[in-house]
C-alpha atoms as a PDB file:
ATOM      1  CA  PHE A   1     186.860   9.248 -14.194  1.00  0.00           C
ATOM      2  CA  GLY A   2     186.955  11.331 -10.983  1.00  0.00           C
ATOM      3  CA  ALA A   3     190.717  11.601 -10.802  1.00  0.00           C
ATOM      4  CA  ASN A   4     190.715  13.571 -13.976  1.00  0.00           C
ATOM      5  CA  PHE A   5     188.875  16.411 -12.151  1.00  0.00           C
ATOM      6  CA  TRP A   6     192.222  17.432 -10.633  1.00  0.00           C
ATOM      7  CA  ASN A   7     194.372  16.027 -13.387  1.00  0.00           C
ATOM      8  CA  SER A   8     193.715  19.103 -15.589  1.00  0.00           C
ATOM      9  CA  ARG A   9     195.215  17.815 -18.797  1.00  0.00           C
ATOM     10  CA  SER A  10     192.565  17.299 -21.550  1.00  0.00           C
ATOM     11  CA  GLU A  11     192.368  13.784 -23.012  1.00  0.00           C
ATOM     12  CA  PRO A  12     191.298  12.456 -26.388  1.00  0.00           C
ATOM     13  CA  LYS A  13     187.544  11.990 -26.632  1.00  0.00           C
ATOM     14  CA  ALA A  14     188.095   8.444 -27.887  1.00  0.00           C
ATOM     15  CA  LEU A  15     189.582   7.571 -24.535  1.00  0.00           C
ATOM     16  CA  GLU A  16     186.508   8.848 -22.652  1.00  0.00           C
ATOM     17  CA  TYR A  17     184.055   6.969 -25.007  1.00  0.00           C
ATOM     18  CA  ILE A  18     185.988   3.769 -24.445  1.00  0.00           C
ATOM     19  CA  ARG A  19     185.905   4.323 -20.665  1.00  0.00           C
ATOM     20  CA  VAL A  20     182.109   4.913 -20.694  1.00  0.00           C
ATOM     21  CA  LEU A  21     181.542   1.948 -23.013  1.00  0.00           C
ATOM     22  CA  VAL A  22     183.296  -0.619 -20.685  1.00  0.00           C
ATOM     23  CA  ALA A  23     181.896   1.116 -17.611  1.00  0.00           C
ATOM     24  CA  GLU A  24     178.290   0.698 -18.908  1.00  0.00           C
ATOM     25  CA  LEU A  25     178.940  -2.914 -19.823  1.00  0.00           C
ATOM     26  CA  ASN A  26     180.098  -3.460 -16.304  1.00  0.00           C
ATOM     27  CA  ARG A  27     177.014  -1.697 -14.962  1.00  0.00           C
ATOM     28  CA  ILE A  28     174.775  -4.077 -17.043  1.00  0.00           C
ATOM     29  CA  ALA A  29     176.635  -7.072 -15.731  1.00  0.00           C
ATOM     30  CA  SER A  30     176.257  -5.893 -12.148  1.00  0.00           C
ATOM     31  CA  HIS A  31     172.513  -5.202 -12.444  1.00  0.00           C
ATOM     32  CA  MET A  32     172.032  -8.609 -14.104  1.00  0.00           C
ATOM     33  CA  ILE A  33     173.622 -10.425 -11.247  1.00  0.00           C
ATOM     34  CA  ALA A  34     171.649  -8.279  -8.792  1.00  0.00           C
ATOM     35  CA  ILE A  35     168.339  -9.075 -10.390  1.00  0.00           C
ATOM     36  CA  GLY A  36     169.138 -12.724 -11.020  1.00  0.00           C
ATOM     37  CA  THR A  37     170.281 -13.589  -7.491  1.00  0.00           C
ATOM     38  CA  TYR A  38     167.373 -11.529  -6.113  1.00  0.00           C
ATOM     39  CA  GLY A  39     164.929 -13.658  -8.064  1.00  0.00           C
ATOM     40  CA  MET A  40     166.600 -16.832  -6.765  1.00  0.00           C
ATOM     41  CA  ASP A  41     166.395 -15.501  -3.154  1.00  0.00           C
ATOM     42  CA  ILE A  42     162.621 -15.223  -3.625  1.00  0.00           C
ATOM     43  CA  GLY A  43     162.261 -18.583  -5.308  1.00  0.00           C
ATOM     44  CA  SER A  44     162.550 -17.934  -9.093  1.00  0.00           C
ATOM     45  CA  PHE A  45     165.416 -20.078 -10.276  1.00  0.00           C
ATOM     46  CA  THR A  46     164.991 -20.192 -14.109  1.00  0.00           C
ATOM     47  CA  PRO A  47     165.618 -16.427 -14.775  1.00  0.00           C
ATOM     48  CA  PHE A  48     168.882 -16.739 -12.809  1.00  0.00           C
ATOM     49  CA  PHE A  49     170.236 -19.263 -15.266  1.00  0.00           C
ATOM     50  CA  TRP A  50     169.145 -17.041 -18.147  1.00  0.00           C
ATOM     51  CA  ILE A  51     170.933 -14.062 -16.665  1.00  0.00           C
ATOM     52  CA  MET A  52     174.120 -16.051 -15.987  1.00  0.00           C
ATOM     53  CA  ARG A  53     174.110 -17.227 -19.593  1.00  0.00           C
ATOM     54  CA  ASP A  54     173.734 -13.718 -21.013  1.00  0.00           C
ATOM     55  CA  ARG A  55     176.075 -12.122 -18.537  1.00  0.00           C
ATOM     56  CA  GLU A  56     178.790 -14.422 -19.793  1.00  0.00           C
ATOM     57  CA  HIS A  57     178.718 -12.490 -23.130  1.00  0.00           C
ATOM     58  CA  ILE A  58     179.660  -9.318 -21.241  1.00  0.00           C
ATOM     59  CA  LEU A  59     182.387 -10.984 -19.258  1.00  0.00           C
ATOM     60  CA  ARG A  60     183.923 -12.342 -22.418  1.00  0.00           C
ATOM     61  CA  LEU A  61     183.869  -8.885 -24.004  1.00  0.00           C
ATOM     62  CA  LEU A  62     185.581  -7.324 -20.981  1.00  0.00           C
ATOM     63  CA  GLU A  63     188.054 -10.175 -20.812  1.00  0.00           C
ATOM     64  CA  TRP A  64     188.807  -9.573 -24.549  1.00  0.00           C
ATOM     65  CA  ALA A  65     189.551  -5.907 -23.855  1.00  0.00           C
ATOM     66  CA  SER A  66     191.351  -6.141 -20.555  1.00  0.00           C
ATOM     67  CA  GLY A  67     192.526  -9.769 -20.049  1.00  0.00           C
ATOM     68  CA  ALA A  68     190.471 -10.210 -16.908  1.00  0.00           C
ATOM     69  CA  ARG A  69     186.933 -11.277 -16.267  1.00  0.00           C
ATOM     70  CA  LEU A  70     186.276  -9.503 -12.943  1.00  0.00           C
ATOM     71  CA  LEU A  71     189.224  -7.284 -11.699  1.00  0.00           C
ATOM     72  CA  TYR A  72     189.996  -5.438 -14.843  1.00  0.00           C
ATOM     73  CA  ASN A  73     192.644  -2.729 -14.098  1.00  0.00           C
ATOM     74  CA  TYR A  74     191.676  -1.298 -17.531  1.00  0.00           C
ATOM     75  CA  ILE A  75     190.832   2.383 -16.819  1.00  0.00           C
ATOM     76  CA  TRP A  76     193.973   4.220 -15.814  1.00  0.00           C
ATOM     77  CA  ILE A  77     194.420   7.816 -14.620  1.00  0.00           C
ATOM     78  CA  GLY A  78     195.232   9.699 -17.823  1.00  0.00           C
ATOM     79  CA  GLY A  79     194.489   6.741 -20.169  1.00  0.00           C
ATOM     80  CA  LEU A  80     193.750   3.094 -20.591  1.00  0.00           C
ATOM     81  CA  TYR A  81     195.689  -0.146 -20.120  1.00  0.00           C
ATOM     82  CA  TYR A  82     195.263  -0.997 -23.835  1.00  0.00           C
ATOM     83  CA  ASP A  83     193.158   0.010 -26.804  1.00  0.00           C
ATOM     84  CA  LEU A  84     190.082  -1.966 -27.619  1.00  0.00           C
ATOM     85  CA  PRO A  85     190.759  -5.086 -29.765  1.00  0.00           C
ATOM     86  CA  ILE A  86     190.019  -4.825 -33.523  1.00  0.00           C
ATOM     87  CA  GLY A  87     186.325  -5.820 -34.029  1.00  0.00           C
ATOM     88  CA  PHE A  88     185.357  -5.084 -30.485  1.00  0.00           C
ATOM     89  CA  GLU A  89     182.724  -2.517 -31.366  1.00  0.00           C
ATOM     90  CA  GLU A  90     181.102  -4.848 -33.842  1.00  0.00           C
ATOM     91  CA  ARG A  91     180.944  -7.714 -31.322  1.00  0.00           C
ATOM     92  CA  CYS A  92     179.555  -5.315 -28.767  1.00  0.00           C
ATOM     93  CA  ARG A  93     176.751  -4.251 -31.126  1.00  0.00           C
ATOM     94  CA  GLU A  94     175.907  -7.937 -31.838  1.00  0.00           C
ATOM     95  CA  PHE A  95     175.527  -8.487 -28.054  1.00  0.00           C
ATOM     96  CA  VAL A  96     173.232  -5.361 -27.681  1.00  0.00           C
ATOM     97  CA  ASN A  97     170.987  -6.597 -30.567  1.00  0.00           C
ATOM     98  CA  TYR A  98     170.932 -10.100 -29.023  1.00  0.00           C
ATOM     99  CA  PHE A  99     170.258  -9.007 -25.502  1.00  0.00           C
ATOM    100  CA  LYS A 100     167.432  -6.501 -25.966  1.00  0.00           C
ATOM    101  CA  PRO A 101     164.721  -9.153 -26.555  1.00  0.00           C
ATOM    102  CA  LYS A 102     166.188 -11.323 -23.765  1.00  0.00           C
ATOM    103  CA  LEU A 103     165.862  -8.442 -21.376  1.00  0.00           C
ATOM    104  CA  LYS A 104     162.217  -7.913 -22.322  1.00  0.00           C
ATOM    105  CA  GLU A 105     161.618 -11.648 -21.785  1.00  0.00           C
ATOM    106  CA  LEU A 106     163.221 -11.331 -18.275  1.00  0.00           C
ATOM    107  CA  GLU A 107     160.946  -8.416 -17.540  1.00  0.00           C
ATOM    108  CA  ILE A 108     157.861 -10.454 -18.325  1.00  0.00           C
ATOM    109  CA  VAL A 109     158.875 -13.719 -16.702  1.00  0.00           C
ATOM    110  CA  LEU A 110     160.392 -12.313 -13.495  1.00  0.00           C
ATOM    111  CA  VAL A 111     159.653  -8.676 -12.704  1.00  0.00           C
ATOM    112  CA  GLU A 112     155.977  -8.802 -13.797  1.00  0.00           C
ATOM    113  CA  ASN A 113     155.409 -12.256 -12.412  1.00  0.00           C
ATOM    114  CA  LYS A 114     152.513 -12.389 -10.009  1.00  0.00           C
ATOM    115  CA  ILE A 115     154.376 -14.161  -7.271  1.00  0.00           C
ATOM    116  CA  PHE A 116     157.359 -11.824  -7.539  1.00  0.00           C
ATOM    117  CA  VAL A 117     155.102  -8.824  -7.300  1.00  0.00           C
ATOM    118  CA  GLU A 118     153.309 -10.205  -4.226  1.00  0.00           C
ATOM    119  CA  ARG A 119     156.688 -10.826  -2.518  1.00  0.00           C
ATOM    120  CA  THR A 120     158.127  -7.404  -3.298  1.00  0.00           C
ATOM    121  CA  ALA A 121     155.394  -4.827  -3.709  1.00  0.00           C
ATOM    122  CA  ASN A 122     154.658  -2.716  -0.578  1.00  0.00           C
ATOM    123  CA  VAL A 123     157.555  -4.586   1.187  1.00  0.00           C
ATOM    124  CA  GLY A 124     160.561  -2.805   2.579  1.00  0.00           C
ATOM    125  CA  VAL A 125     159.439   0.685   1.705  1.00  0.00           C
ATOM    126  CA  LEU A 126     162.274   3.224   2.027  1.00  0.00           C
ATOM    127  CA  PRO A 127     160.791   6.791   2.406  1.00  0.00           C
ATOM    128  CA  LEU A 128     162.745   9.421   0.505  1.00  0.00           C
ATOM    129  CA  ASP A 129     163.545  11.552   3.581  1.00  0.00           C
ATOM    130  CA  LEU A 130     165.012   8.496   5.324  1.00  0.00           C
ATOM    131  CA  ALA A 131     167.025   7.644   2.291  1.00  0.00           C
ATOM    132  CA  ILE A 132     168.499  11.162   2.066  1.00  0.00           C
ATOM    133  CA  ASN A 133     169.233  11.274   5.809  1.00  0.00           C
ATOM    134  CA  CYS A 134     170.998   7.937   5.723  1.00  0.00           C
ATOM    135  CA  GLY A 135     173.110   8.939   2.655  1.00  0.00           C
ATOM    136  CA  VAL A 136     171.645   6.271   0.389  1.00  0.00           C
ATOM    137  CA  THR A 137     172.643   6.529  -3.202  1.00  0.00           C
ATOM    138  CA  GLY A 138     172.268   4.691  -6.481  1.00  0.00           C
ATOM    139  CA  PRO A 139     169.222   2.655  -7.547  1.00  0.00           C
ATOM    140  CA  MET A 140     167.995   2.535  -3.919  1.00  0.00           C
ATOM    141  CA  LEU A 141     167.722   6.352  -3.775  1.00  0.00           C
ATOM    142  CA  ARG A 142     166.234   6.641  -7.238  1.00  0.00           C
ATOM    143  CA  ALA A 143     163.664   3.955  -6.405  1.00  0.00           C
ATOM    144  CA  SER A 144     162.527   6.210  -3.541  1.00  0.00           C
ATOM    145  CA  GLY A 145     161.667   8.877  -6.045  1.00  0.00           C
ATOM    146  CA  LEU A 146     164.701  11.184  -6.366  1.00  0.00           C
ATOM    147  CA  ARG A 147     166.181  11.610  -9.781  1.00  0.00           C
ATOM    148  CA  PHE A 148     169.856  11.818  -8.583  1.00  0.00           C
ATOM    149  CA  ASP A 149     172.488  10.244 -10.766  1.00  0.00           C
ATOM    150  CA  LEU A 150     176.101  11.532 -10.723  1.00  0.00           C
ATOM    151  CA  ARG A 151     176.418  10.951 -14.407  1.00  0.00           C
ATOM    152  CA  LYS A 152     173.847  13.732 -14.821  1.00  0.00           C
ATOM    153  CA  VAL A 153     174.549  15.771 -11.690  1.00  0.00           C
ATOM    154  CA  ASP A 154     178.310  16.041 -11.948  1.00  0.00           C
ATOM    155  CA  GLY A 155     178.342  15.461 -15.777  1.00  0.00           C
ATOM    156  CA  TYR A 156     181.787  13.836 -15.684  1.00  0.00           C
ATOM    157  CA  SER A 157     183.530  12.286 -18.683  1.00  0.00           C
ATOM    158  CA  VAL A 158     181.466  12.408 -21.929  1.00  0.00           C
ATOM    159  CA  TYR A 159     178.105  11.688 -20.255  1.00  0.00           C
ATOM    160  CA  PRO A 160     176.871  15.192 -20.951  1.00  0.00           C
ATOM    161  CA  GLU A 161     177.232  14.480 -24.715  1.00  0.00           C
ATOM    162  CA  LEU A 162     175.210  11.226 -24.446  1.00  0.00           C
ATOM    163  CA  GLU A 163     171.409  10.854 -24.336  1.00  0.00           C
ATOM    164  CA  PHE A 164     169.895   8.733 -21.532  1.00  0.00           C
ATOM    165  CA  SER A 165     167.157   9.112 -18.904  1.00  0.00           C
ATOM    166  CA  VAL A 166     167.357   8.423 -15.182  1.00  0.00           C
ATOM    167  CA  PRO A 167     164.492   6.087 -14.071  1.00  0.00           C
ATOM    168  CA  ILE A 168     162.942   6.588 -10.669  1.00  0.00           C
ATOM    169  CA  GLY A 169     160.524   4.614  -8.587  1.00  0.00           C
ATOM    170  CA  GLU A 170     156.847   5.270  -9.365  1.00  0.00           C
ATOM    171  CA  GLY A 171     155.048   2.753  -7.206  1.00  0.00           C
ATOM    172  CA  LYS A 172     153.577   0.985 -10.272  1.00  0.00           C
ATOM    173  CA  MET A 173     152.911  -2.224  -8.375  1.00  0.00           C
ATOM    174  CA  GLY A 174     152.826  -0.921  -4.807  1.00  0.00           C
ATOM    175  CA  THR A 175     154.468   1.943  -3.017  1.00  0.00           C
ATOM    176  CA  VAL A 176     157.238   4.222  -4.148  1.00  0.00           C
ATOM    177  CA  GLY A 177     160.505   2.994  -2.701  1.00  0.00           C
ATOM    178  CA  ASP A 178     159.440  -0.622  -2.123  1.00  0.00           C
ATOM    179  CA  CYS A 179     161.397  -3.767  -3.121  1.00  0.00           C
ATOM    180  CA  TRP A 180     159.675  -4.003  -6.460  1.00  0.00           C
ATOM    181  CA  ASP A 181     160.630  -0.441  -7.416  1.00  0.00           C
ATOM    182  CA  ARG A 182     164.219  -1.089  -6.545  1.00  0.00           C
ATOM    183  CA  THR A 183     164.259  -4.049  -8.885  1.00  0.00           C
ATOM    184  CA  TRP A 184     162.368  -2.220 -11.586  1.00  0.00           C
ATOM    185  CA  VAL A 185     164.821   0.806 -11.524  1.00  0.00           C
ATOM    186  CA  ARG A 186     167.800  -1.570 -12.014  1.00  0.00           C
ATOM    187  CA  LEU A 187     166.056  -3.253 -14.927  1.00  0.00           C
ATOM    188  CA  GLU A 188     165.298   0.179 -16.537  1.00  0.00           C
ATOM    189  CA  GLU A 189     168.891   1.198 -15.930  1.00  0.00           C
ATOM    190  CA  ILE A 190     170.018  -1.758 -18.036  1.00  0.00           C
ATOM    191  CA  TYR A 191     167.895  -0.466 -20.949  1.00  0.00           C
ATOM    192  CA  GLN A 192     169.494   2.948 -20.576  1.00  0.00           C
ATOM    193  CA  SER A 193     172.961   1.501 -20.397  1.00  0.00           C
ATOM    194  CA  LEU A 194     172.376  -0.451 -23.588  1.00  0.00           C
ATOM    195  CA  TYR A 195     171.323   2.862 -25.194  1.00  0.00           C
ATOM    196  CA  ILE A 196     174.560   4.484 -23.987  1.00  0.00           C
ATOM    197  CA  VAL A 197     176.674   1.563 -25.238  1.00  0.00           C
ATOM    198  CA  GLU A 198     175.100   2.000 -28.690  1.00  0.00           C
ATOM    199  CA  GLN A 199     175.898   5.721 -28.748  1.00  0.00           C
ATOM    200  CA  CYS A 200     179.540   5.064 -27.694  1.00  0.00           C
ATOM    201  CA  ILE A 201     179.943   2.491 -30.479  1.00  0.00           C
ATOM    202  CA  ASP A 202     178.618   4.947 -33.053  1.00  0.00           C
ATOM    203  CA  ARG A 203     180.967   7.720 -31.863  1.00  0.00           C
ATOM    204  CA  LEU A 204     183.961   5.362 -31.883  1.00  0.00           C
ATOM    205  CA  LEU A 205     183.265   4.191 -35.383  1.00  0.00           C
ATOM    206  CA  THR A 206     182.567   7.675 -36.820  1.00  0.00           C
ATOM    207  CA  ASP A 207     183.577  10.956 -35.208  1.00  0.00           C
ATOM    208  CA  HIS A 208     186.195   9.500 -32.868  1.00  0.00           C
ATOM    209  CA  LYS A 209     187.628   6.629 -34.926  1.00  0.00           C
ATOM    210  CA  ARG A 210     191.073   5.688 -33.710  1.00  0.00           C
ATOM    211  CA  THR A 211     194.160   5.607 -35.951  1.00  0.00           C
ATOM    212  CA  ARG A 212     197.262   3.540 -35.873  1.00  0.00           C
ATOM    213  CA  ASP A 213     199.140   6.168 -33.870  1.00  0.00           C
ATOM    214  CA  PHE A 214     196.513   6.212 -31.103  1.00  0.00           C
ATOM    215  CA  ASP A 215     198.308   5.511 -27.836  1.00  0.00           C
ATOM    216  CA  PRO A 216     195.938   5.010 -24.784  1.00  0.00           C
ATOM    217  CA  GLN A 217     198.909   5.336 -22.397  1.00  0.00           C
ATOM    218  CA  ALA A 218     200.438   8.531 -23.881  1.00  0.00           C
ATOM    219  CA  MET A 219     199.048  10.780 -21.141  1.00  0.00           C
ATOM    220  CA  VAL A 220     199.379   8.419 -18.197  1.00  0.00           C
ATOM    221  CA  PRO A 221     201.299  10.379 -15.530  1.00  0.00           C
ATOM    222  CA  LYS A 222     204.519   8.852 -14.194  1.00  0.00           C
ATOM    223  CA  LYS A 223     203.941  10.480 -10.796  1.00  0.00           C
ATOM    224  CA  ILE A 224     200.864  11.811  -9.142  1.00  0.00           C
ATOM    225  CA  ARG A 225     201.520  14.657  -6.769  1.00  0.00           C
ATOM    226  CA  PRO A 226     198.585  17.076  -6.413  1.00  0.00           C
ATOM    227  CA  ALA A 227     198.949  20.417  -4.637  1.00  0.00           C
ATOM    228  CA  LYS A 228     198.427  20.683  -0.864  1.00  0.00           C
ATOM    229  CA  GLN A 229     194.633  20.313  -0.611  1.00  0.00           C
ATOM    230  CA  ASP A 230     191.724  18.234   0.552  1.00  0.00           C
ATOM    231  CA  PHE A 231     189.534  16.884  -2.297  1.00  0.00           C
ATOM    232  CA  TYR A 232     186.767  14.362  -2.798  1.00  0.00           C
ATOM    233  CA  ILE A 233     186.135  12.601  -6.119  1.00  0.00           C
ATOM    234  CA  ARG A 234     183.151  10.413  -6.809  1.00  0.00           C
ATOM    235  CA  GLY A 235     181.432   8.480  -9.555  1.00  0.00           C
ATOM    236  CA  GLU A 236     178.186   6.682 -10.215  1.00  0.00           C
ATOM    237  CA  MET A 237     178.791   2.971  -9.747  1.00  0.00           C
ATOM    238  CA  PRO A 238     176.102   0.269 -10.251  1.00  0.00           C
ATOM    239  CA  LYS A 239     175.287   0.176  -6.546  1.00  0.00           C
ATOM    240  CA  GLY A 240     175.557   3.875  -5.916  1.00  0.00           C
ATOM    241  CA  GLU A 241     178.154   6.553  -5.205  1.00  0.00           C
ATOM    242  CA  LEU A 242     181.747   5.443  -4.955  1.00  0.00           C
ATOM    243  CA  GLY A 243     183.802   8.249  -3.507  1.00  0.00           C
ATOM    244  CA  PHE A 244     187.387   8.851  -2.357  1.00  0.00           C
ATOM    245  CA  PHE A 245     188.541  11.590  -0.035  1.00  0.00           C
ATOM    246  CA  PHE A 246     192.178  12.558  -0.225  1.00  0.00           C
ATOM    247  CA  ARG A 247     194.321  14.882   1.878  1.00  0.00           C
ATOM    248  CA  ALA A 248     197.505  15.774  -0.036  1.00  0.00           C
ATOM    249  CA  ASP A 249     200.435  17.467   1.663  1.00  0.00           C
ATOM    250  CA  GLY A 250     201.922  18.584  -1.727  1.00  0.00           C
ATOM    251  CA  ARG A 251     205.291  17.010  -0.981  1.00  0.00           C
ATOM    252  CA  SER A 252     204.713  13.272  -1.275  1.00  0.00           C
ATOM    253  CA  ASP A 253     203.372  10.963  -3.897  1.00  0.00           C
ATOM    254  CA  ILE A 254     201.515   9.159  -1.029  1.00  0.00           C
ATOM    255  CA  PRO A 255     198.320  10.855   0.318  1.00  0.00           C
ATOM    256  CA  PHE A 256     198.480  11.967   3.951  1.00  0.00           C
ATOM    257  CA  ARG A 257     194.944  10.543   4.381  1.00  0.00           C
ATOM    258  CA  CYS A 258     192.627   8.518   2.150  1.00  0.00           C
ATOM    259  CA  LYS A 259     189.061   7.556   2.847  1.00  0.00           C
ATOM    260  CA  CYS A 260     186.920   5.344   0.612  1.00  0.00           C
ATOM    261  CA  ARG A 261     183.115   5.714   0.667  1.00  0.00           C
ATOM    262  CA  SER A 262     181.516   2.546  -0.631  1.00  0.00           C
ATOM    263  CA  ALA A 263     177.830   2.434  -1.610  1.00  0.00           C
ATOM    264  CA  SER A 264     177.035  -0.956  -0.150  1.00  0.00           C
ATOM    265  CA  PHE A 265     178.271   0.006   3.340  1.00  0.00           C
ATOM    266  CA  VAL A 266     176.095   3.067   3.413  1.00  0.00           C
ATOM    267  CA  ASN A 267     173.026   1.597   1.756  1.00  0.00           C
ATOM    268  CA  LEU A 268     172.995  -1.337   4.221  1.00  0.00           C
ATOM    269  CA  SER A 269     172.646   1.050   7.083  1.00  0.00           C
ATOM    270  CA  VAL A 270     168.945   1.562   6.408  1.00  0.00           C
ATOM    271  CA  LEU A 271     168.105  -2.129   6.812  1.00  0.00           C
ATOM    272  CA  PRO A 272     167.182  -1.846  10.568  1.00  0.00           C
ATOM    273  CA  GLU A 273     164.767   0.995   9.792  1.00  0.00           C
ATOM    274  CA  ILE A 274     162.963  -0.563   6.753  1.00  0.00           C
ATOM    275  CA  ALA A 275     162.907  -4.121   8.246  1.00  0.00           C
ATOM    276  CA  ARG A 276     161.573  -3.347  11.709  1.00  0.00           C
ATOM    277  CA  GLY A 277     158.630  -5.641  12.542  1.00  0.00           C
ATOM    278  CA  VAL A 278     158.557  -7.536   9.233  1.00  0.00           C
ATOM    279  CA  LEU A 279     158.213 -11.256   8.743  1.00  0.00           C
ATOM    280  CA  VAL A 280     161.441 -13.244   8.339  1.00  0.00           C
ATOM    281  CA  ALA A 281     160.379 -14.131   4.712  1.00  0.00           C
ATOM    282  CA  ASP A 282     160.101 -10.425   4.021  1.00  0.00           C
ATOM    283  CA  LEU A 283     163.467  -9.714   5.550  1.00  0.00           C
ATOM    284  CA  ILE A 284     165.014 -11.905   2.932  1.00  0.00           C
ATOM    285  CA  ALA A 285     163.264  -9.920   0.152  1.00  0.00           C
ATOM    286  CA  ILE A 286     164.334  -6.600   1.730  1.00  0.00           C
ATOM    287  CA  LEU A 287     168.005  -7.539   2.225  1.00  0.00           C
ATOM    288  CA  GLY A 288     168.229  -8.847  -1.340  1.00  0.00           C
ATOM    289  CA  SER A 289     166.691  -5.671  -2.800  1.00  0.00           C
ATOM    290  CA  ILE A 290     169.534  -3.570  -1.348  1.00  0.00           C
ATOM    291  CA  ASP A 291     172.053  -5.340  -3.582  1.00  0.00           C
ATOM    292  CA  ILE A 292     175.182  -5.390  -1.406  1.00  0.00           C
ATOM    293  CA  VAL A 293     178.614  -6.848  -1.900  1.00  0.00           C
ATOM    294  CA  LEU A 294     180.223  -7.834   1.371  1.00  0.00           C
ATOM    295  CA  GLY A 295     183.655  -6.836   0.200  1.00  0.00           C
ATOM    296  CA  GLU A 296     182.332  -3.239   0.197  1.00  0.00           C
ATOM    297  CA  VAL A 297     180.584  -3.658   3.566  1.00  0.00           C
ATOM    298  CA  ASP A 298     183.362  -5.290   5.576  1.00  0.00           C
ATOM    299  CA  ARG A 299     185.413  -2.694   7.453  1.00  0.00           C
END
């Protein structure tokens, strides 16, 4: 998505809707594993197995489209690795219709569960000013009360053409920015992603229906050599802002400098502040609510 900011060529809208469709499916899968493993950390095992069962439907859809279950290599600069398989949109709609009541059941059984609320409400409160000062992004920042989502702020791809809201923490069960709010924001984002997926399916089947001559690799550049400049591109990933800083010399296909900003590494930096003086049991709840992946954290 972000690389197209400096790749000035316009691309077919169908490409962008497919990109958003698979990106939102991936966001749903990420939030599902975050909520499921978090519940298991606190002692709720059954919802984890429900989530893993339903997440499997998404992984099979993404595997059908890209050939891989986890590392997809599907979205390319200027295009896609391959077009969606025939019948993908219909199968995707079937999943959305199947999953909506399952998600509501998960909300009742886990997120609104009395024990879960007692373990997470008023625990690990992240004040908004601290979140901003530490560079926190994603659901953690929004749970602290700031409606900041790069899909809205930067308006990249076709997100400005789609309807969706940005949930923020409201302190419904405790304090704004606590562990419960962070879980609730991720759950609400799943609902919004399902709504985005439905809209993408509708557009791909009507206004931007693909024909036989549609080539998702037609505009993929053979070489990438931007002009001499420094630039930063970013996108809203499930865990927060994923950004890349490049310094191009204008002469080489290889950047002179490249720096990756990963959300997990930055978000984890607030742990010493929000966990100071808490019980060890609460420390488990706080760390789990940050939703980190150690591959992003390890430097």
